[in-house]
């Protein structure tokens, strides 16, 4: 892989579309809009909503798929170019008008984990802010996004990506365990409270 490669050599972009707000929170795929992305990248769980309307196949994402925001509604630019990955406990996600799916070209492309962690680096985040357009609402052009340089895959970088991936999985495992313990504690408290009222 050439050291002067860029994202456009390995990725195609699928832009999302608008949705009907009347169908929010009906059974259906999880909406993958700005609210599902952490500041500077990563998946955010605390404001997830589902959508029960029609969703074209090309708008749907599966576990492990990557998507980004090419816009931000704040001047901080924390979501501009921020990447997220659909977690494995979400069966289907749906793009919105604010997000774009990263479709990896199979020929000579680095794997999704390598690209994901590349798009979490401080260098990439600085690049997004430096190439932002607009004053109130910021945006990053598709051309600028796809022009970001992709360093060659080396043994050291692969090892670093592997370590980051393992840490991320451990953090997610701890989060799920904490949520389960909180749910169990709440259930036990309610059961004891109900029994004390009898």
N, C-alpha and C. Protein backbone atom coordinates (compact mmCIF):
# COMPACT_ATOMS: atom_id res chain seq x y z
N UNK A 1 0.84 -1.18 0.00
CA UNK A 1 0.00 0.00 0.00
C UNK A 1 0.88 1.24 0.00
N UNK A 2 0.62 2.16 -0.89
CA UNK A 2 1.41 3.38 -0.99
C UNK A 2 1.20 4.27 0.22
N UNK A 3 2.32 4.95 0.62
CA UNK A 3 2.22 5.83 1.79
C UNK A 3 1.46 7.11 1.48
N UNK A 4 1.28 7.42 0.19
CA UNK A 4 0.55 8.64 -0.16
C UNK A 4 -0.90 8.36 -0.52
N UNK A 5 -1.41 7.21 -0.08
CA UNK A 5 -2.81 6.87 -0.33
C UNK A 5 -3.71 7.79 0.49
N UNK A 6 -4.95 7.91 0.08
CA UNK A 6 -5.92 8.72 0.82
C UNK A 6 -7.20 7.91 1.00
N UNK A 7 -8.10 8.43 1.84
CA UNK A 7 -9.33 7.70 2.13
C UNK A 7 -10.11 7.36 0.86
N UNK A 8 -10.08 8.27 -0.11
CA UNK A 8 -10.82 8.05 -1.35
C UNK A 8 -10.35 6.84 -2.14
N UNK A 9 -9.12 6.40 -1.88
CA UNK A 9 -8.61 5.20 -2.55
C UNK A 9 -9.26 3.94 -2.00
N UNK A 10 -9.81 4.03 -0.81
CA UNK A 10 -10.32 2.84 -0.14
C UNK A 10 -11.80 2.90 0.22
N UNK A 11 -12.40 4.10 0.14
CA UNK A 11 -13.76 4.26 0.61
C UNK A 11 -14.67 4.88 -0.44
N UNK A 12 -15.93 4.49 -0.41
CA UNK A 12 -17.00 5.19 -1.11
C UNK A 12 -17.98 5.66 -0.04
N UNK A 13 -18.71 6.73 -0.31
CA UNK A 13 -19.61 7.29 0.68
C UNK A 13 -21.06 7.10 0.26
N UNK A 14 -21.89 6.71 1.22
CA UNK A 14 -23.34 6.62 1.01
C UNK A 14 -24.02 7.58 1.95
N UNK A 15 -24.58 8.66 1.39
CA UNK A 15 -25.22 9.68 2.22
C UNK A 15 -26.61 9.22 2.66
N UNK A 16 -26.99 9.63 3.88
CA UNK A 16 -28.30 9.31 4.40
C UNK A 16 -29.37 10.27 3.90
N UNK A 17 -30.60 10.01 4.29
CA UNK A 17 -31.72 10.85 3.87
C UNK A 17 -32.57 11.23 5.08
N UNK A 18 -33.49 12.15 4.85
CA UNK A 18 -34.39 12.57 5.91
C UNK A 18 -35.39 11.45 6.24
N UNK A 19 -36.10 11.64 7.33
CA UNK A 19 -37.08 10.66 7.77
C UNK A 19 -38.30 11.41 8.30
N UNK A 20 -39.42 10.70 8.43
CA UNK A 20 -40.66 11.30 8.92
C UNK A 20 -40.69 11.23 10.45
N UNK A 21 -40.72 12.39 11.09
CA UNK A 21 -40.66 12.42 12.55
C UNK A 21 -41.85 11.72 13.19
N UNK A 22 -42.97 11.62 12.47
CA UNK A 22 -44.15 10.96 13.03
C UNK A 22 -43.91 9.47 13.27
N UNK A 23 -42.89 8.91 12.63
CA UNK A 23 -42.62 7.47 12.78
C UNK A 23 -41.48 7.19 13.77
N UNK A 24 -41.05 8.22 14.48
CA UNK A 24 -40.00 8.04 15.48
C UNK A 24 -40.49 7.15 16.63
N UNK A 25 -39.59 6.36 17.16
CA UNK A 25 -39.81 5.49 18.31
C UNK A 25 -40.75 4.34 18.03
N UNK A 26 -41.11 4.14 16.75
CA UNK A 26 -41.83 2.92 16.37
C UNK A 26 -40.81 1.81 16.17
N UNK A 27 -41.23 0.54 16.24
CA UNK A 27 -40.28 -0.55 16.01
C UNK A 27 -39.61 -0.43 14.65
N UNK A 28 -38.31 -0.59 14.65
CA UNK A 28 -37.55 -0.45 13.42
C UNK A 28 -36.08 -0.25 13.72
N UNK A 29 -35.30 0.09 12.70
CA UNK A 29 -33.86 0.27 12.91
C UNK A 29 -33.55 1.46 13.81
N UNK A 30 -32.42 1.40 14.46
CA UNK A 30 -31.94 2.50 15.29
C UNK A 30 -31.47 3.63 14.39
N UNK A 31 -31.89 4.86 14.69
CA UNK A 31 -31.44 6.01 13.89
C UNK A 31 -29.98 6.32 14.22
N UNK A 32 -29.19 6.49 13.18
CA UNK A 32 -27.77 6.78 13.33
C UNK A 32 -27.49 8.21 12.88
N UNK A 33 -28.00 9.16 13.66
CA UNK A 33 -27.79 10.57 13.37
C UNK A 33 -26.69 11.14 14.25
N UNK A 34 -26.63 12.46 14.32
CA UNK A 34 -25.61 13.12 15.13
C UNK A 34 -25.66 12.70 16.59
N UNK A 35 -26.87 12.45 17.10
CA UNK A 35 -27.01 12.09 18.51
C UNK A 35 -26.42 10.73 18.84
N UNK A 36 -26.10 9.92 17.82
CA UNK A 36 -25.53 8.59 18.07
C UNK A 36 -24.01 8.59 17.99
N UNK A 37 -23.40 9.77 17.87
CA UNK A 37 -21.94 9.86 17.76
C UNK A 37 -21.39 10.66 18.94
N UNK A 38 -20.38 10.11 19.60
CA UNK A 38 -19.72 10.82 20.68
C UNK A 38 -18.88 11.97 20.13
N UNK A 39 -18.63 12.96 20.96
CA UNK A 39 -17.73 14.04 20.56
C UNK A 39 -16.38 13.46 20.19
N UNK A 40 -15.88 13.84 19.02
CA UNK A 40 -14.59 13.38 18.49
C UNK A 40 -14.56 11.90 18.13
N UNK A 41 -15.73 11.26 18.10
CA UNK A 41 -15.81 9.90 17.59
C UNK A 41 -16.17 8.86 18.64
N UNK A 42 -16.76 7.78 18.16
CA UNK A 42 -17.24 6.71 19.04
C UNK A 42 -18.76 6.69 19.04
N UNK A 43 -19.33 5.54 19.40
CA UNK A 43 -20.78 5.39 19.40
C UNK A 43 -21.37 5.88 20.71
N UNK A 44 -22.45 6.63 20.61
CA UNK A 44 -23.13 7.17 21.79
C UNK A 44 -24.47 6.48 21.96
N UNK A 45 -24.73 5.99 23.16
CA UNK A 45 -25.92 5.17 23.40
C UNK A 45 -27.06 5.89 24.12
N UNK A 46 -26.79 7.00 24.75
CA UNK A 46 -27.78 7.53 25.71
C UNK A 46 -28.96 8.26 25.07
N UNK A 47 -28.95 8.49 23.77
CA UNK A 47 -30.07 9.21 23.15
C UNK A 47 -30.58 8.49 21.91
N UNK A 48 -30.55 7.17 21.92
CA UNK A 48 -30.93 6.40 20.73
C UNK A 48 -32.44 6.36 20.55
N UNK A 49 -32.86 6.43 19.28
CA UNK A 49 -34.27 6.32 18.94
C UNK A 49 -34.41 5.39 17.75
N UNK A 50 -35.58 4.81 17.60
CA UNK A 50 -35.83 3.92 16.47
C UNK A 50 -36.76 4.60 15.47
N UNK A 51 -36.84 4.00 14.29
CA UNK A 51 -37.65 4.58 13.22
C UNK A 51 -38.47 3.48 12.54
N UNK A 52 -39.79 3.68 12.50
CA UNK A 52 -40.67 2.67 11.95
C UNK A 52 -41.09 2.90 10.52
N UNK A 53 -40.59 3.95 9.88
CA UNK A 53 -40.94 4.23 8.50
C UNK A 53 -40.12 3.41 7.51
N UNK A 54 -40.37 3.67 6.23
CA UNK A 54 -39.64 2.96 5.18
C UNK A 54 -38.17 3.36 5.21
N UNK A 55 -37.32 2.36 5.04
CA UNK A 55 -35.87 2.59 5.03
C UNK A 55 -35.26 1.84 3.86
N UNK A 56 -34.84 2.56 2.82
CA UNK A 56 -34.20 1.89 1.69
C UNK A 56 -33.01 1.06 2.14
N UNK A 57 -32.77 -0.04 1.47
CA UNK A 57 -31.69 -0.96 1.83
C UNK A 57 -30.35 -0.25 1.96
N UNK A 58 -30.07 0.68 1.06
CA UNK A 58 -28.77 1.36 1.09
C UNK A 58 -28.61 2.29 2.29
N UNK A 59 -29.72 2.60 2.98
CA UNK A 59 -29.66 3.44 4.18
C UNK A 59 -29.40 2.64 5.45
N UNK A 60 -29.46 1.31 5.35
CA UNK A 60 -29.34 0.45 6.53
C UNK A 60 -27.90 0.01 6.76
N UNK A 61 -27.50 0.03 8.02
CA UNK A 61 -26.17 -0.41 8.43
C UNK A 61 -26.30 -1.59 9.37
N UNK A 62 -25.30 -2.43 9.37
CA UNK A 62 -25.26 -3.62 10.21
C UNK A 62 -24.13 -3.49 11.23
N UNK A 63 -24.11 -4.35 12.24
CA UNK A 63 -23.04 -4.30 13.24
C UNK A 63 -21.66 -4.30 12.59
N UNK A 64 -20.80 -3.40 13.08
CA UNK A 64 -19.45 -3.28 12.55
C UNK A 64 -19.29 -2.25 11.46
N UNK A 65 -20.40 -1.81 10.84
CA UNK A 65 -20.31 -0.80 9.79
C UNK A 65 -19.90 0.55 10.38
N UNK A 66 -19.18 1.35 9.59
CA UNK A 66 -18.71 2.66 10.02
C UNK A 66 -19.52 3.76 9.35
N UNK A 67 -19.74 4.84 10.09
CA UNK A 67 -20.40 6.01 9.53
C UNK A 67 -19.83 7.27 10.17
N UNK A 68 -19.94 8.38 9.46
CA UNK A 68 -19.40 9.65 9.95
C UNK A 68 -20.42 10.77 9.79
N UNK A 69 -20.14 11.84 10.51
CA UNK A 69 -20.89 13.09 10.33
C UNK A 69 -20.00 14.05 9.56
N UNK A 70 -20.51 14.58 8.46
CA UNK A 70 -19.76 15.59 7.71
C UNK A 70 -20.29 16.99 8.01
N UNK A 71 -20.99 17.11 9.14
CA UNK A 71 -21.49 18.42 9.56
C UNK A 71 -21.52 18.49 11.08
N UNK A 72 -21.65 19.71 11.58
CA UNK A 72 -21.77 19.94 13.02
C UNK A 72 -22.59 21.20 13.20
N UNK A 73 -23.46 21.20 14.19
CA UNK A 73 -24.32 22.35 14.45
C UNK A 73 -23.73 23.28 15.49
N UNK A 74 -22.49 23.02 15.91
CA UNK A 74 -21.82 23.89 16.89
C UNK A 74 -20.50 24.38 16.30
N UNK A 75 -19.98 25.46 16.85
CA UNK A 75 -18.71 26.01 16.41
C UNK A 75 -17.52 25.19 16.89
N UNK A 76 -17.72 24.37 17.91
CA UNK A 76 -16.61 23.57 18.45
C UNK A 76 -16.10 22.56 17.43
N UNK A 77 -16.98 22.08 16.56
CA UNK A 77 -16.58 21.12 15.54
C UNK A 77 -16.28 19.73 16.08
N UNK A 78 -16.79 19.41 17.27
CA UNK A 78 -16.49 18.11 17.88
C UNK A 78 -17.10 16.94 17.11
N UNK A 79 -18.18 17.21 16.36
CA UNK A 79 -18.81 16.14 15.59
C UNK A 79 -18.45 16.18 14.11
N UNK A 80 -17.72 17.21 13.70
CA UNK A 80 -17.37 17.35 12.29
C UNK A 80 -16.38 16.27 11.88
N UNK A 81 -16.80 15.36 11.01
CA UNK A 81 -15.96 14.26 10.59
C UNK A 81 -15.85 13.14 11.60
N UNK A 82 -16.58 13.24 12.72
CA UNK A 82 -16.49 12.22 13.76
C UNK A 82 -17.04 10.88 13.26
N UNK A 83 -16.33 9.81 13.58
CA UNK A 83 -16.69 8.47 13.12
C UNK A 83 -17.32 7.67 14.25
N UNK A 84 -18.21 6.77 13.90
CA UNK A 84 -18.80 5.83 14.85
C UNK A 84 -18.92 4.48 14.17
N UNK A 85 -19.03 3.45 15.00
CA UNK A 85 -19.17 2.08 14.49
C UNK A 85 -20.43 1.49 15.10
N UNK A 86 -21.26 0.86 14.29
CA UNK A 86 -22.48 0.24 14.80
C UNK A 86 -22.10 -0.91 15.72
N UNK A 87 -22.52 -0.88 16.99
CA UNK A 87 -22.14 -1.95 17.92
C UNK A 87 -22.86 -3.25 17.58
N UNK A 88 -22.33 -4.34 18.13
CA UNK A 88 -22.84 -5.66 17.76
C UNK A 88 -24.16 -6.02 18.41
N UNK A 89 -24.64 -5.22 19.35
CA UNK A 89 -25.94 -5.51 19.93
C UNK A 89 -27.06 -4.72 19.26
N UNK A 90 -26.75 -4.01 18.19
CA UNK A 90 -27.77 -3.30 17.40
C UNK A 90 -27.86 -4.01 16.05
N UNK A 91 -29.02 -4.60 15.80
CA UNK A 91 -29.17 -5.44 14.61
C UNK A 91 -29.11 -4.62 13.32
N UNK A 92 -29.84 -3.49 13.30
CA UNK A 92 -29.86 -2.63 12.13
C UNK A 92 -29.84 -1.18 12.56
N UNK A 93 -29.13 -0.36 11.81
CA UNK A 93 -29.16 1.07 12.00
C UNK A 93 -29.57 1.74 10.70
N UNK A 94 -30.06 2.98 10.81
CA UNK A 94 -30.46 3.71 9.61
C UNK A 94 -29.78 5.08 9.59
N UNK A 95 -29.17 5.39 8.46
CA UNK A 95 -28.57 6.71 8.28
C UNK A 95 -29.64 7.79 8.33
N UNK A 96 -29.24 9.01 8.69
CA UNK A 96 -30.11 10.17 8.60
C UNK A 96 -29.49 11.15 7.60
N UNK A 97 -30.12 12.31 7.43
CA UNK A 97 -29.58 13.32 6.52
C UNK A 97 -28.26 13.89 7.02
N UNK A 98 -27.88 13.60 8.26
CA UNK A 98 -26.66 14.16 8.85
C UNK A 98 -25.48 13.21 8.83
N UNK A 99 -25.68 11.97 8.40
CA UNK A 99 -24.62 10.98 8.48
C UNK A 99 -24.36 10.30 7.14
N UNK A 100 -23.17 9.72 7.04
CA UNK A 100 -22.72 9.10 5.80
C UNK A 100 -22.07 7.76 6.13
N UNK A 101 -22.46 6.73 5.41
CA UNK A 101 -21.85 5.40 5.60
C UNK A 101 -20.54 5.32 4.84
N UNK A 102 -19.54 4.68 5.46
CA UNK A 102 -18.27 4.43 4.80
C UNK A 102 -18.30 3.02 4.21
N UNK A 103 -18.31 2.95 2.90
CA UNK A 103 -18.33 1.66 2.22
C UNK A 103 -16.90 1.34 1.79
N UNK A 104 -16.32 0.32 2.39
CA UNK A 104 -14.92 -0.02 2.14
C UNK A 104 -14.79 -0.81 0.85
N UNK A 105 -13.94 -0.30 -0.04
CA UNK A 105 -13.63 -1.02 -1.27
C UNK A 105 -12.70 -2.18 -0.91
N UNK A 106 -13.01 -3.34 -1.37
CA UNK A 106 -12.29 -4.53 -0.94
C UNK A 106 -10.85 -4.59 -1.47
N UNK A 107 -10.58 -4.02 -2.62
CA UNK A 107 -9.26 -4.15 -3.23
C UNK A 107 -8.20 -3.37 -2.46
N UNK A 108 -7.28 -4.07 -1.85
CA UNK A 108 -6.12 -3.48 -1.17
C UNK A 108 -6.49 -2.52 -0.04
N UNK A 109 -7.69 -2.58 0.46
CA UNK A 109 -8.09 -1.66 1.52
C UNK A 109 -7.63 -2.16 2.88
N UNK A 110 -7.23 -1.23 3.76
CA UNK A 110 -6.98 -1.64 5.15
C UNK A 110 -8.30 -2.12 5.76
N UNK A 111 -8.22 -2.89 6.83
CA UNK A 111 -9.47 -3.37 7.41
C UNK A 111 -10.20 -2.24 8.13
N UNK A 112 -11.46 -2.51 8.48
CA UNK A 112 -12.32 -1.48 9.07
C UNK A 112 -11.76 -0.97 10.39
N UNK A 113 -11.14 -1.85 11.19
CA UNK A 113 -10.58 -1.41 12.47
C UNK A 113 -9.47 -0.40 12.27
N UNK A 114 -8.62 -0.64 11.29
CA UNK A 114 -7.52 0.29 11.00
C UNK A 114 -8.08 1.66 10.61
N UNK A 115 -9.06 1.68 9.72
CA UNK A 115 -9.65 2.95 9.28
C UNK A 115 -10.39 3.63 10.43
N UNK A 116 -11.08 2.84 11.25
CA UNK A 116 -11.81 3.42 12.38
C UNK A 116 -10.87 4.15 13.32
N UNK A 117 -9.78 3.51 13.70
CA UNK A 117 -8.87 4.14 14.65
C UNK A 117 -8.06 5.26 14.01
N UNK A 118 -7.83 5.19 12.70
CA UNK A 118 -7.21 6.32 12.00
C UNK A 118 -8.09 7.56 12.12
N UNK A 119 -9.41 7.35 12.00
CA UNK A 119 -10.35 8.47 12.07
C UNK A 119 -10.66 8.91 13.51
N UNK A 120 -9.97 8.33 14.47
CA UNK A 120 -10.07 8.75 15.86
C UNK A 120 -8.81 9.50 16.31
N UNK A 121 -7.81 9.62 15.43
CA UNK A 121 -6.54 10.23 15.82
C UNK A 121 -6.68 11.75 15.94
N UNK A 122 -5.86 12.37 16.79
CA UNK A 122 -5.85 13.84 16.89
C UNK A 122 -5.52 14.51 15.56
N UNK A 123 -4.66 13.87 14.74
CA UNK A 123 -4.30 14.45 13.45
C UNK A 123 -5.52 14.54 12.53
N UNK A 124 -6.32 13.49 12.51
CA UNK A 124 -7.53 13.53 11.69
C UNK A 124 -8.52 14.55 12.23
N UNK A 125 -8.70 14.61 13.54
CA UNK A 125 -9.65 15.57 14.12
C UNK A 125 -9.21 17.01 13.80
N UNK A 126 -7.90 17.28 13.87
CA UNK A 126 -7.38 18.61 13.52
C UNK A 126 -7.60 18.90 12.04
N UNK A 127 -7.43 17.89 11.21
CA UNK A 127 -7.64 18.05 9.76
C UNK A 127 -9.09 18.45 9.48
N UNK A 128 -10.03 17.80 10.14
CA UNK A 128 -11.45 18.11 9.93
C UNK A 128 -11.75 19.56 10.29
N UNK A 129 -11.25 20.00 11.42
CA UNK A 129 -11.50 21.38 11.85
C UNK A 129 -10.84 22.38 10.90
N UNK A 130 -9.64 22.05 10.41
CA UNK A 130 -8.92 22.95 9.50
C UNK A 130 -9.62 23.08 8.15
N UNK A 131 -10.38 22.06 7.76
CA UNK A 131 -11.05 22.07 6.46
C UNK A 131 -12.55 22.34 6.59
N UNK A 132 -12.98 22.79 7.75
CA UNK A 132 -14.41 23.06 7.94
C UNK A 132 -14.85 24.28 7.14
N UNK A 133 -16.11 24.27 6.75
CA UNK A 133 -16.71 25.38 6.03
C UNK A 133 -17.95 25.82 6.78
N UNK A 134 -18.26 27.11 6.72
CA UNK A 134 -19.45 27.64 7.36
C UNK A 134 -19.12 28.41 8.62
N UNK A 135 -20.10 29.15 9.10
CA UNK A 135 -19.92 29.96 10.30
C UNK A 135 -20.82 29.49 11.44
N UNK A 136 -22.10 29.30 11.16
CA UNK A 136 -23.02 28.82 12.19
C UNK A 136 -23.03 27.29 12.23
N UNK A 137 -23.36 26.69 11.10
CA UNK A 137 -23.29 25.24 10.97
C UNK A 137 -22.05 24.88 10.16
N UNK A 138 -21.22 24.02 10.71
CA UNK A 138 -19.99 23.63 10.03
C UNK A 138 -20.24 22.42 9.14
N UNK A 139 -19.48 22.34 8.06
CA UNK A 139 -19.55 21.17 7.19
C UNK A 139 -18.16 20.84 6.67
N UNK A 140 -17.99 19.60 6.28
CA UNK A 140 -16.76 19.10 5.70
C UNK A 140 -17.12 18.50 4.35
N UNK A 141 -16.49 18.98 3.29
CA UNK A 141 -16.85 18.49 1.96
C UNK A 141 -16.42 17.03 1.81
N UNK A 142 -17.14 16.32 0.95
CA UNK A 142 -16.79 14.93 0.66
C UNK A 142 -15.37 14.84 0.11
N UNK A 143 -15.02 15.81 -0.76
CA UNK A 143 -13.68 15.80 -1.37
C UNK A 143 -12.59 15.95 -0.32
N UNK A 144 -12.80 16.86 0.65
CA UNK A 144 -11.79 17.04 1.70
C UNK A 144 -11.71 15.81 2.59
N UNK A 145 -12.86 15.23 2.92
CA UNK A 145 -12.84 14.02 3.74
C UNK A 145 -12.06 12.92 3.04
N UNK A 146 -12.36 12.69 1.77
CA UNK A 146 -11.73 11.60 1.04
C UNK A 146 -10.26 11.87 0.72
N UNK A 147 -9.82 13.12 0.86
CA UNK A 147 -8.42 13.47 0.58
C UNK A 147 -7.50 13.22 1.77
N UNK A 148 -8.06 12.88 2.94
CA UNK A 148 -7.22 12.67 4.12
C UNK A 148 -6.27 11.50 3.87
N UNK A 149 -5.00 11.70 4.22
CA UNK A 149 -3.96 10.69 3.97
C UNK A 149 -4.12 9.47 4.86
N UNK A 150 -3.87 8.32 4.28
CA UNK A 150 -3.91 7.05 5.01
C UNK A 150 -2.49 6.50 5.11
N UNK A 151 -1.91 6.48 6.30
CA UNK A 151 -0.56 5.92 6.45
C UNK A 151 -0.54 4.44 6.09
N UNK A 152 0.60 4.00 5.59
CA UNK A 152 0.75 2.60 5.23
C UNK A 152 0.55 1.71 6.46
N UNK A 153 -0.05 0.57 6.23
CA UNK A 153 -0.24 -0.40 7.32
C UNK A 153 1.11 -1.06 7.61
N UNK A 154 1.56 -0.92 8.85
CA UNK A 154 2.81 -1.55 9.28
C UNK A 154 2.51 -2.49 10.43
N UNK A 155 3.51 -3.30 10.79
CA UNK A 155 3.34 -4.23 11.90
C UNK A 155 3.07 -3.46 13.20
N UNK A 156 3.79 -2.36 13.41
CA UNK A 156 3.62 -1.58 14.64
C UNK A 156 2.24 -0.95 14.69
N UNK A 157 1.77 -0.41 13.58
CA UNK A 157 0.44 0.21 13.55
C UNK A 157 -0.65 -0.83 13.72
N UNK A 158 -0.45 -1.99 13.14
CA UNK A 158 -1.43 -3.07 13.30
C UNK A 158 -1.52 -3.50 14.76
N UNK A 159 -0.37 -3.59 15.43
CA UNK A 159 -0.37 -3.96 16.84
C UNK A 159 -1.06 -2.90 17.69
N UNK A 160 -0.83 -1.63 17.36
CA UNK A 160 -1.48 -0.54 18.09
C UNK A 160 -3.00 -0.59 17.90
N UNK A 161 -3.45 -0.81 16.67
CA UNK A 161 -4.88 -0.91 16.40
C UNK A 161 -5.48 -2.08 17.18
N UNK A 162 -4.76 -3.20 17.21
CA UNK A 162 -5.25 -4.37 17.95
C UNK A 162 -5.41 -4.04 19.44
N UNK A 163 -4.42 -3.33 20.00
CA UNK A 163 -4.49 -2.96 21.42
C UNK A 163 -5.65 -2.01 21.68
N UNK A 164 -5.83 -1.03 20.81
CA UNK A 164 -6.94 -0.09 20.97
C UNK A 164 -8.28 -0.80 20.85
N UNK A 165 -8.34 -1.75 19.93
CA UNK A 165 -9.59 -2.49 19.75
C UNK A 165 -9.93 -3.30 20.99
N UNK A 166 -8.94 -3.94 21.58
CA UNK A 166 -9.17 -4.74 22.78
C UNK A 166 -9.60 -3.85 23.95
N UNK A 167 -8.97 -2.69 24.08
CA UNK A 167 -9.38 -1.75 25.14
C UNK A 167 -10.81 -1.28 24.93
N UNK A 168 -11.16 -0.99 23.69
CA UNK A 168 -12.51 -0.52 23.40
C UNK A 168 -13.54 -1.59 23.73
N UNK A 169 -13.23 -2.83 23.40
CA UNK A 169 -14.14 -3.94 23.69
C UNK A 169 -14.28 -4.15 25.20
N UNK A 170 -13.18 -3.97 25.93
CA UNK A 170 -13.23 -4.11 27.38
C UNK A 170 -14.07 -3.01 28.01
N UNK A 171 -13.92 -1.79 27.52
CA UNK A 171 -14.73 -0.67 28.01
C UNK A 171 -16.20 -0.94 27.75
N UNK A 172 -16.53 -1.44 26.55
CA UNK A 172 -17.92 -1.73 26.22
C UNK A 172 -18.47 -2.86 27.09
N UNK A 173 -17.64 -3.87 27.34
CA UNK A 173 -18.05 -4.98 28.21
C UNK A 173 -18.33 -4.48 29.62
N UNK A 174 -17.47 -3.61 30.13
CA UNK A 174 -17.68 -3.04 31.46
C UNK A 174 -18.95 -2.19 31.51
N UNK A 175 -19.20 -1.45 30.44
CA UNK A 175 -20.41 -0.62 30.38
C UNK A 175 -21.66 -1.49 30.43
N UNK A 176 -21.65 -2.59 29.65
CA UNK A 176 -22.81 -3.47 29.64
C UNK A 176 -23.01 -4.15 30.99
N UNK A 177 -21.90 -4.53 31.65
CA UNK A 177 -21.99 -5.14 32.97
C UNK A 177 -22.55 -4.14 33.98
N UNK A 178 -22.08 -2.90 33.93
CA UNK A 178 -22.58 -1.86 34.85
C UNK A 178 -24.07 -1.64 34.63
N UNK A 179 -24.51 -1.62 33.37
CA UNK A 179 -25.93 -1.42 33.08
C UNK A 179 -26.75 -2.59 33.61
N UNK A 180 -26.24 -3.82 33.48
CA UNK A 180 -26.94 -5.00 33.98
C UNK A 180 -27.04 -4.96 35.50
N UNK A 181 -25.94 -4.58 36.17
CA UNK A 181 -25.95 -4.50 37.63
C UNK A 181 -26.93 -3.42 38.12
N UNK A 182 -26.97 -2.31 37.40
CA UNK A 182 -27.90 -1.24 37.78
C UNK A 182 -29.35 -1.70 37.61
N UNK A 183 -29.61 -2.40 36.51
CA UNK A 183 -30.97 -2.91 36.27
C UNK A 183 -31.35 -3.94 37.33
N UNK A 184 -30.41 -4.81 37.71
CA UNK A 184 -30.67 -5.82 38.74
C UNK A 184 -30.95 -5.17 40.09
N UNK A 185 -30.14 -4.16 40.42
CA UNK A 185 -30.32 -3.46 41.70
C UNK A 185 -31.68 -2.76 41.75
N UNK A 186 -32.06 -2.15 40.63
CA UNK A 186 -33.36 -1.47 40.57
C UNK A 186 -34.50 -2.46 40.73
N UNK A 187 -34.40 -3.61 40.09
CA UNK A 187 -35.44 -4.64 40.19
C UNK A 187 -35.56 -5.16 41.63
N UNK A 188 -34.41 -5.42 42.27
CA UNK A 188 -34.42 -5.90 43.65
C UNK A 188 -35.01 -4.86 44.59
N UNK A 189 -34.65 -3.59 44.38
CA UNK A 189 -35.18 -2.51 45.21
C UNK A 189 -36.69 -2.42 45.08
N UNK A 190 -37.19 -2.48 43.84
CA UNK A 190 -38.64 -2.40 43.63
C UNK A 190 -39.36 -3.57 44.27
N UNK A 191 -38.77 -4.77 44.13
CA UNK A 191 -39.40 -5.96 44.71
C UNK A 191 -39.45 -5.85 46.23
N UNK A 192 -38.38 -5.38 46.84
CA UNK A 192 -38.35 -5.25 48.30
C UNK A 192 -39.30 -4.14 48.75
N UNK A 193 -39.35 -3.05 47.99
CA UNK A 193 -40.24 -1.94 48.34
C UNK A 193 -41.70 -2.38 48.27
N UNK A 194 -42.03 -3.13 47.21
CA UNK A 194 -43.41 -3.62 47.06
C UNK A 194 -43.77 -4.58 48.18
N UNK A 195 -42.83 -5.46 48.56
CA UNK A 195 -43.13 -6.44 49.61
C UNK A 195 -43.29 -5.76 50.97
N UNK A 196 -42.58 -4.65 51.19
CA UNK A 196 -42.68 -3.94 52.47
C UNK A 196 -44.01 -3.17 52.62
N UNK A 197 -44.66 -2.93 51.48
CA UNK A 197 -45.93 -2.21 51.53
C UNK A 197 -47.10 -3.13 51.78
N UNK A 198 -46.86 -4.44 51.71
CA UNK A 198 -47.97 -5.39 51.91
C UNK A 198 -48.22 -5.64 53.38
